[in-house]
Amino acid sequence: MDFATTLKLLRTLRHLSQVELAKAAGVAPTCMSYLEAGKILPGPEWERRLLDALGYQPELEPMLVALANLKASETQPHSAERVS
């Protein structure tokens, strides 16, 4: 899973706004939407501060991947059955 997806998923699970996370991590709030969209990547220091503020633990990665896959499947349109 890429950093942008991990960041947004963890932030959502923690019920934080982008501004709240930015303040907790000590990064500029204007950068959060760019980070979550994958338009910019954080340097090592920003990445550490963001993940620390979110309480990220590497052993949770499989659960995060499963949640991201579930969320993706919920947003995809389902084909409708034809009823005669």
N, C-alpha and C. Protein backbone atom coordinates (compact mmCIF):
# COMPACT_ATOMS: atom_id res chain seq x y z
N MET A 1 0.85 -1.16 0.00
CA MET A 1 0.00 0.00 0.00
C MET A 1 0.90 1.23 0.00
N ASP A 2 0.53 2.24 -0.78
CA ASP A 2 1.38 3.42 -0.87
C ASP A 2 1.19 4.34 0.34
N PHE A 3 2.09 5.28 0.48
CA PHE A 3 2.07 6.15 1.66
C PHE A 3 0.79 6.98 1.71
N ALA A 4 0.35 7.52 0.58
CA ALA A 4 -0.84 8.36 0.56
C ALA A 4 -2.06 7.61 1.08
N THR A 5 -2.24 6.38 0.64
CA THR A 5 -3.37 5.56 1.08
C THR A 5 -3.27 5.25 2.57
N THR A 6 -2.07 4.88 3.01
CA THR A 6 -1.86 4.59 4.43
C THR A 6 -2.16 5.81 5.28
N LEU A 7 -1.67 6.96 4.85
CA LEU A 7 -1.87 8.21 5.60
C LEU A 7 -3.36 8.53 5.75
N LYS A 8 -4.08 8.50 4.64
CA LYS A 8 -5.51 8.85 4.69
C LYS A 8 -6.29 7.83 5.51
N LEU A 9 -5.99 6.56 5.34
CA LEU A 9 -6.70 5.52 6.08
C LEU A 9 -6.47 5.67 7.58
N LEU A 10 -5.23 5.84 7.99
CA LEU A 10 -4.94 6.00 9.41
C LEU A 10 -5.57 7.27 9.98
N ARG A 11 -5.52 8.35 9.21
CA ARG A 11 -6.12 9.59 9.68
C ARG A 11 -7.63 9.43 9.86
N THR A 12 -8.26 8.76 8.92
CA THR A 12 -9.70 8.53 8.99
C THR A 12 -10.05 7.64 10.18
N LEU A 13 -9.27 6.58 10.39
CA LEU A 13 -9.50 5.68 11.51
C LEU A 13 -9.34 6.39 12.85
N ARG A 14 -8.48 7.38 12.90
CA ARG A 14 -8.24 8.14 14.14
C ARG A 14 -9.23 9.31 14.30
N HIS A 15 -10.10 9.47 13.31
CA HIS A 15 -11.11 10.55 13.33
C HIS A 15 -10.46 11.92 13.44
N LEU A 16 -9.40 12.11 12.66
CA LEU A 16 -8.70 13.39 12.64
C LEU A 16 -8.94 14.09 11.31
N SER A 17 -9.05 15.40 11.36
CA SER A 17 -9.08 16.17 10.12
C SER A 17 -7.65 16.32 9.62
N GLN A 18 -7.52 16.78 8.38
CA GLN A 18 -6.18 17.02 7.85
C GLN A 18 -5.46 18.09 8.68
N VAL A 19 -6.18 19.10 9.09
CA VAL A 19 -5.58 20.19 9.89
C VAL A 19 -5.14 19.67 11.25
N GLU A 20 -5.97 18.84 11.88
CA GLU A 20 -5.60 18.29 13.19
C GLU A 20 -4.34 17.44 13.11
N LEU A 21 -4.26 16.60 12.07
CA LEU A 21 -3.07 15.77 11.91
C LEU A 21 -1.85 16.63 11.63
N ALA A 22 -2.00 17.63 10.78
CA ALA A 22 -0.87 18.51 10.47
C ALA A 22 -0.34 19.17 11.73
N LYS A 23 -1.24 19.65 12.58
CA LYS A 23 -0.81 20.29 13.83
C LYS A 23 -0.10 19.29 14.74
N ALA A 24 -0.67 18.08 14.86
CA ALA A 24 -0.07 17.06 15.73
C ALA A 24 1.31 16.64 15.25
N ALA A 25 1.51 16.64 13.92
CA ALA A 25 2.78 16.20 13.35
C ALA A 25 3.75 17.35 13.13
N GLY A 26 3.27 18.59 13.26
CA GLY A 26 4.15 19.74 13.06
C GLY A 26 4.49 19.97 11.60
N VAL A 27 3.53 19.71 10.73
CA VAL A 27 3.74 19.98 9.29
C VAL A 27 2.71 21.01 8.84
N ALA A 28 2.93 21.61 7.71
CA ALA A 28 2.02 22.63 7.20
C ALA A 28 0.69 22.02 6.80
N PRO A 29 -0.42 22.56 7.30
CA PRO A 29 -1.73 22.01 6.96
C PRO A 29 -2.02 22.00 5.46
N THR A 30 -1.47 22.95 4.74
CA THR A 30 -1.73 23.01 3.30
C THR A 30 -1.12 21.83 2.54
N CYS A 31 -0.17 21.16 3.14
CA CYS A 31 0.48 20.01 2.49
C CYS A 31 -0.31 18.72 2.61
N MET A 32 -1.23 18.64 3.57
CA MET A 32 -1.91 17.37 3.84
C MET A 32 -2.69 16.84 2.64
N SER A 33 -3.42 17.70 1.94
CA SER A 33 -4.20 17.22 0.79
C SER A 33 -3.27 16.72 -0.31
N TYR A 34 -2.13 17.38 -0.48
CA TYR A 34 -1.15 16.94 -1.48
C TYR A 34 -0.55 15.59 -1.11
N LEU A 35 -0.27 15.41 0.18
CA LEU A 35 0.28 14.14 0.64
C LEU A 35 -0.73 13.00 0.44
N GLU A 36 -1.98 13.25 0.82
CA GLU A 36 -3.00 12.20 0.70
C GLU A 36 -3.36 11.90 -0.75
N ALA A 37 -3.17 12.87 -1.62
CA ALA A 37 -3.44 12.64 -3.04
C ALA A 37 -2.25 12.01 -3.76
N GLY A 38 -1.14 11.90 -3.05
CA GLY A 38 0.06 11.32 -3.65
C GLY A 38 0.78 12.29 -4.58
N LYS A 39 0.44 13.57 -4.49
CA LYS A 39 1.08 14.57 -5.36
C LYS A 39 2.47 14.93 -4.87
N ILE A 40 2.70 14.78 -3.57
CA ILE A 40 4.04 14.97 -3.00
C ILE A 40 4.31 13.81 -2.05
N LEU A 41 5.56 13.49 -1.88
CA LEU A 41 5.95 12.47 -0.93
C LEU A 41 6.72 13.13 0.21
N PRO A 42 6.50 12.67 1.42
CA PRO A 42 7.22 13.28 2.54
C PRO A 42 8.67 12.81 2.58
N GLY A 43 9.52 13.66 3.09
CA GLY A 43 10.87 13.24 3.37
C GLY A 43 10.86 12.35 4.61
N PRO A 44 11.98 11.74 4.94
CA PRO A 44 12.03 10.83 6.09
C PRO A 44 11.55 11.45 7.40
N GLU A 45 11.89 12.71 7.64
CA GLU A 45 11.49 13.37 8.89
C GLU A 45 9.98 13.59 8.94
N TRP A 46 9.40 14.09 7.86
CA TRP A 46 7.95 14.30 7.80
C TRP A 46 7.23 12.97 7.95
N GLU A 47 7.70 11.97 7.24
CA GLU A 47 7.05 10.65 7.30
C GLU A 47 7.04 10.13 8.74
N ARG A 48 8.16 10.23 9.43
CA ARG A 48 8.23 9.76 10.81
C ARG A 48 7.27 10.53 11.70
N ARG A 49 7.25 11.86 11.55
CA ARG A 49 6.37 12.68 12.39
C ARG A 49 4.90 12.38 12.13
N LEU A 50 4.53 12.21 10.87
CA LEU A 50 3.14 11.90 10.53
C LEU A 50 2.72 10.54 11.08
N LEU A 51 3.55 9.54 10.84
CA LEU A 51 3.21 8.19 11.32
C LEU A 51 3.22 8.11 12.84
N ASP A 52 4.14 8.82 13.48
CA ASP A 52 4.14 8.86 14.95
C ASP A 52 2.86 9.51 15.48
N ALA A 53 2.44 10.61 14.85
CA ALA A 53 1.22 11.31 15.29
C ALA A 53 -0.01 10.42 15.12
N LEU A 54 0.06 9.49 14.17
CA LEU A 54 -1.07 8.58 13.92
C LEU A 54 -0.97 7.27 14.72
N GLY A 55 0.13 7.09 15.43
CA GLY A 55 0.30 5.87 16.20
C GLY A 55 0.53 4.64 15.33
N TYR A 56 1.14 4.85 14.16
CA TYR A 56 1.38 3.75 13.22
C TYR A 56 2.32 2.71 13.81
N GLN A 57 1.96 1.44 13.61
CA GLN A 57 2.81 0.32 14.01
C GLN A 57 2.92 -0.61 12.81
N PRO A 58 4.13 -0.94 12.37
CA PRO A 58 4.31 -1.77 11.17
C PRO A 58 3.53 -3.09 11.21
N GLU A 59 3.35 -3.66 12.39
CA GLU A 59 2.64 -4.94 12.45
C GLU A 59 1.16 -4.80 12.10
N LEU A 60 0.66 -3.56 12.02
CA LEU A 60 -0.73 -3.34 11.64
C LEU A 60 -0.92 -3.27 10.12
N GLU A 61 0.15 -3.28 9.38
CA GLU A 61 0.08 -3.12 7.92
C GLU A 61 -0.89 -4.11 7.25
N PRO A 62 -0.87 -5.42 7.58
CA PRO A 62 -1.82 -6.33 6.93
C PRO A 62 -3.28 -5.93 7.16
N MET A 63 -3.60 -5.45 8.36
CA MET A 63 -4.96 -5.00 8.64
C MET A 63 -5.30 -3.76 7.82
N LEU A 64 -4.35 -2.84 7.68
CA LEU A 64 -4.58 -1.64 6.90
C LEU A 64 -4.82 -1.96 5.43
N VAL A 65 -4.06 -2.92 4.91
CA VAL A 65 -4.25 -3.34 3.51
C VAL A 65 -5.65 -3.92 3.33
N ALA A 66 -6.07 -4.76 4.27
CA ALA A 66 -7.40 -5.36 4.19
C ALA A 66 -8.49 -4.28 4.25
N LEU A 67 -8.32 -3.29 5.14
CA LEU A 67 -9.29 -2.20 5.23
C LEU A 67 -9.32 -1.36 3.96
N ALA A 68 -8.16 -1.09 3.39
CA ALA A 68 -8.09 -0.31 2.16
C ALA A 68 -8.78 -1.07 1.02
N ASN A 69 -8.58 -2.39 0.95
CA ASN A 69 -9.23 -3.18 -0.09
C ASN A 69 -10.74 -3.20 0.10
N LEU A 70 -11.18 -3.30 1.34
CA LEU A 70 -12.61 -3.30 1.63
C LEU A 70 -13.22 -1.96 1.24
N LYS A 71 -12.56 -0.88 1.60
CA LYS A 71 -13.05 0.46 1.27
C LYS A 71 -13.12 0.64 -0.24
N ALA A 72 -12.10 0.15 -0.96
CA ALA A 72 -12.08 0.27 -2.42
C ALA A 72 -13.23 -0.51 -3.05
N SER A 73 -13.52 -1.68 -2.51
CA SER A 73 -14.60 -2.48 -3.08
C SER A 73 -15.96 -1.86 -2.81
N GLU A 74 -16.09 -1.11 -1.70
CA GLU A 74 -17.35 -0.45 -1.38
C GLU A 74 -17.62 0.74 -2.29
N THR A 75 -16.58 1.35 -2.83
CA THR A 75 -16.76 2.53 -3.67
C THR A 75 -16.90 2.20 -5.14
N GLN A 76 -16.63 0.95 -5.52
CA GLN A 76 -16.77 0.56 -6.92
C GLN A 76 -18.23 0.28 -7.21
N PRO A 77 -18.70 0.73 -8.38
CA PRO A 77 -20.11 0.48 -8.72
C PRO A 77 -20.35 -1.02 -8.92
N HIS A 78 -21.48 -1.47 -8.43
CA HIS A 78 -21.87 -2.86 -8.60
C HIS A 78 -22.77 -2.97 -9.82
N SER A 79 -22.62 -4.05 -10.57
CA SER A 79 -23.46 -4.22 -11.74
C SER A 79 -24.85 -4.64 -11.28
N ALA A 80 -25.84 -4.08 -11.92
CA ALA A 80 -27.23 -4.37 -11.55
C ALA A 80 -27.70 -5.62 -12.29
N GLU A 81 -28.51 -6.40 -11.61
CA GLU A 81 -29.08 -7.59 -12.24
C GLU A 81 -30.31 -7.17 -13.01
N ARG A 82 -30.52 -7.86 -14.11
CA ARG A 82 -31.74 -7.62 -14.88
C ARG A 82 -32.85 -8.45 -14.29
N VAL A 83 -33.95 -7.81 -14.12
CA VAL A 83 -35.12 -8.50 -13.59
C VAL A 83 -36.16 -8.58 -14.67
N SER A 84 -36.69 -9.80 -14.92
CA SER A 84 -37.70 -9.92 -15.98
C SER A 84 -39.09 -9.70 -15.44
